[in-house]
Protein backbone atom coordinates (compact mmCIF):
# COMPACT_ATOMS: atom_id res chain seq x y z
CA UNK A 1 5.23 -13.55 -9.79
CA UNK A 2 3.04 -11.97 -7.19
CA UNK A 3 0.74 -13.62 -4.85
CA UNK A 4 -2.17 -11.31 -3.58
CA UNK A 5 -4.09 -12.49 -0.56
CA UNK A 6 -7.00 -10.68 0.67
CA UNK A 7 -7.72 -10.94 4.37
CA UNK A 8 -10.56 -9.25 6.36
CA UNK A 9 -10.43 -8.44 10.09
CA UNK A 10 -13.99 -7.99 11.45
CA UNK A 11 -12.62 -6.84 14.96
CA UNK A 12 -10.67 -3.84 13.38
CA UNK A 13 -13.10 -3.44 10.40
CA UNK A 14 -9.97 -3.36 8.06
CA UNK A 15 -9.01 -5.42 5.04
CA UNK A 16 -5.46 -6.31 4.18
CA UNK A 17 -3.87 -7.10 0.93
CA UNK A 18 -0.95 -9.24 1.57
CA UNK A 19 1.53 -9.13 -1.16
CA UNK A 20 4.19 -11.63 -1.85
CA UNK A 21 6.99 -11.62 -4.54
CA UNK A 22 7.65 -9.18 -7.32
CA UNK A 23 5.50 -5.94 -7.86
CA UNK A 24 6.46 -5.45 -11.47
CA UNK A 25 5.37 -5.98 -15.15
CA UNK A 26 2.02 -7.65 -15.61
CA UNK A 27 1.65 -8.12 -11.83
CA UNK A 28 1.00 -4.42 -11.38
CA UNK A 29 -2.09 -4.55 -13.49
CA UNK A 30 -3.14 -7.48 -11.60
CA UNK A 31 -2.78 -5.69 -8.24
CA UNK A 32 -4.52 -2.72 -9.78
CA UNK A 33 -7.57 -4.76 -10.84
CA UNK A 34 -7.82 -6.25 -7.45
CA UNK A 35 -7.58 -2.71 -5.82
CA UNK A 36 -10.41 -1.49 -8.10
CA UNK A 37 -12.57 -4.30 -7.12
CA UNK A 38 -12.01 -3.69 -3.52
CA UNK A 39 -12.72 -0.03 -3.79
CA UNK A 40 -16.06 -0.70 -5.28
CA UNK A 41 -17.11 -3.10 -2.69
CA UNK A 42 -15.28 -1.78 0.43
CA UNK A 43 -15.78 1.05 2.80
CA UNK A 44 -13.45 -0.39 5.39
CA UNK A 45 -9.86 0.61 6.12
CA UNK A 46 -7.28 -1.11 3.86
CA UNK A 47 -3.65 -2.07 4.75
CA UNK A 48 -1.32 -3.07 1.93
CA UNK A 49 1.17 -5.52 3.51
CA UNK A 50 4.46 -5.39 1.78
CA UNK A 51 6.57 -7.63 4.10
CA UNK A 52 6.84 -10.45 1.46
CA UNK A 53 7.65 -8.10 -1.59
CA UNK A 54 11.07 -8.67 -3.03
CA UNK A 55 10.93 -6.18 -5.87
CA UNK A 56 9.01 -3.13 -6.91
CA UNK A 57 9.37 -1.51 -10.35
CA UNK A 58 8.49 2.15 -11.30
CA UNK A 59 4.95 1.18 -12.29
CA UNK A 60 4.46 -0.90 -9.11
CA UNK A 61 5.64 2.22 -7.06
CA UNK A 62 3.29 4.47 -8.88
CA UNK A 63 0.39 2.07 -8.05
CA UNK A 64 1.41 2.00 -4.43
CA UNK A 65 1.41 5.77 -4.44
CA UNK A 66 -2.00 5.86 -6.02
CA UNK A 67 -3.36 3.45 -3.35
CA UNK A 68 -1.81 5.34 -0.51
CA UNK A 69 -3.27 8.63 -1.78
CA UNK A 70 -6.69 6.94 -1.92
CA UNK A 71 -6.25 6.03 1.78
CA UNK A 72 -4.75 2.77 2.03
CA UNK A 73 -2.06 2.29 4.72
CA UNK A 74 1.26 0.75 3.61
CA UNK A 75 2.92 -1.54 6.02
CA UNK A 76 6.60 -2.36 5.15
CA UNK A 77 9.39 -4.22 7.26
CA UNK A 78 12.28 -5.02 4.90
CA UNK A 79 14.93 -2.34 3.79
CA UNK A 80 13.58 -2.21 0.29
CA UNK A 81 9.98 -1.71 1.00
CA UNK A 82 10.38 0.66 3.90
CA UNK A 83 12.43 2.93 1.54
CA UNK A 84 9.71 2.85 -0.92
CA UNK A 85 7.06 3.62 1.56
CA UNK A 86 9.12 6.50 2.79
CA UNK A 87 9.42 7.85 -0.67
CA UNK A 88 5.56 7.66 -1.27
CA UNK A 89 4.67 9.05 2.04
CA UNK A 90 7.05 12.02 1.89
CA UNK A 91 5.09 13.82 -0.52
CA UNK A 92 1.82 13.72 1.56
CA UNK A 93 -1.75 12.77 0.60
CA UNK A 94 -3.77 15.46 -1.12
CA UNK A 95 -5.42 17.70 1.40
CA UNK A 96 -3.26 16.38 4.22
CA UNK A 97 -1.25 18.86 6.40
CA UNK A 98 1.29 16.30 7.45
CA UNK A 99 3.48 14.40 5.04
CA UNK A 100 4.38 11.06 6.54
CA UNK A 101 3.95 8.74 9.50
CA UNK A 102 7.30 9.79 10.74
CA UNK A 103 6.06 13.36 10.73
CA UNK A 104 3.04 12.57 12.51
CA UNK A 105 5.05 10.99 15.25
CA UNK A 106 7.29 14.00 15.57
CA UNK A 107 4.24 16.41 15.59
CA UNK A 108 2.45 14.62 18.27
């Protein structure tokens, strides 16, 4: 099961998608559908909050990669999700000269 909560922050002009549970199986398509709806109606920065995620399958990781490549920021705290985010951001965004948040800190 995956719980998806959308939270808007007017002060920072951002929207967060707070995920809790397992990002796998049919829940990947549910998140993808939510992401598509947001992309149509949003111009603001989007943060994908992965703190409450307990499992991510290959399709879930592919969707997170797609979301990140389309400009979403991935926020992870736990060991599992931090590793996944590091793998995703290592490759870099299309057109980006830096490959990850860690590289950006080192390059600053």
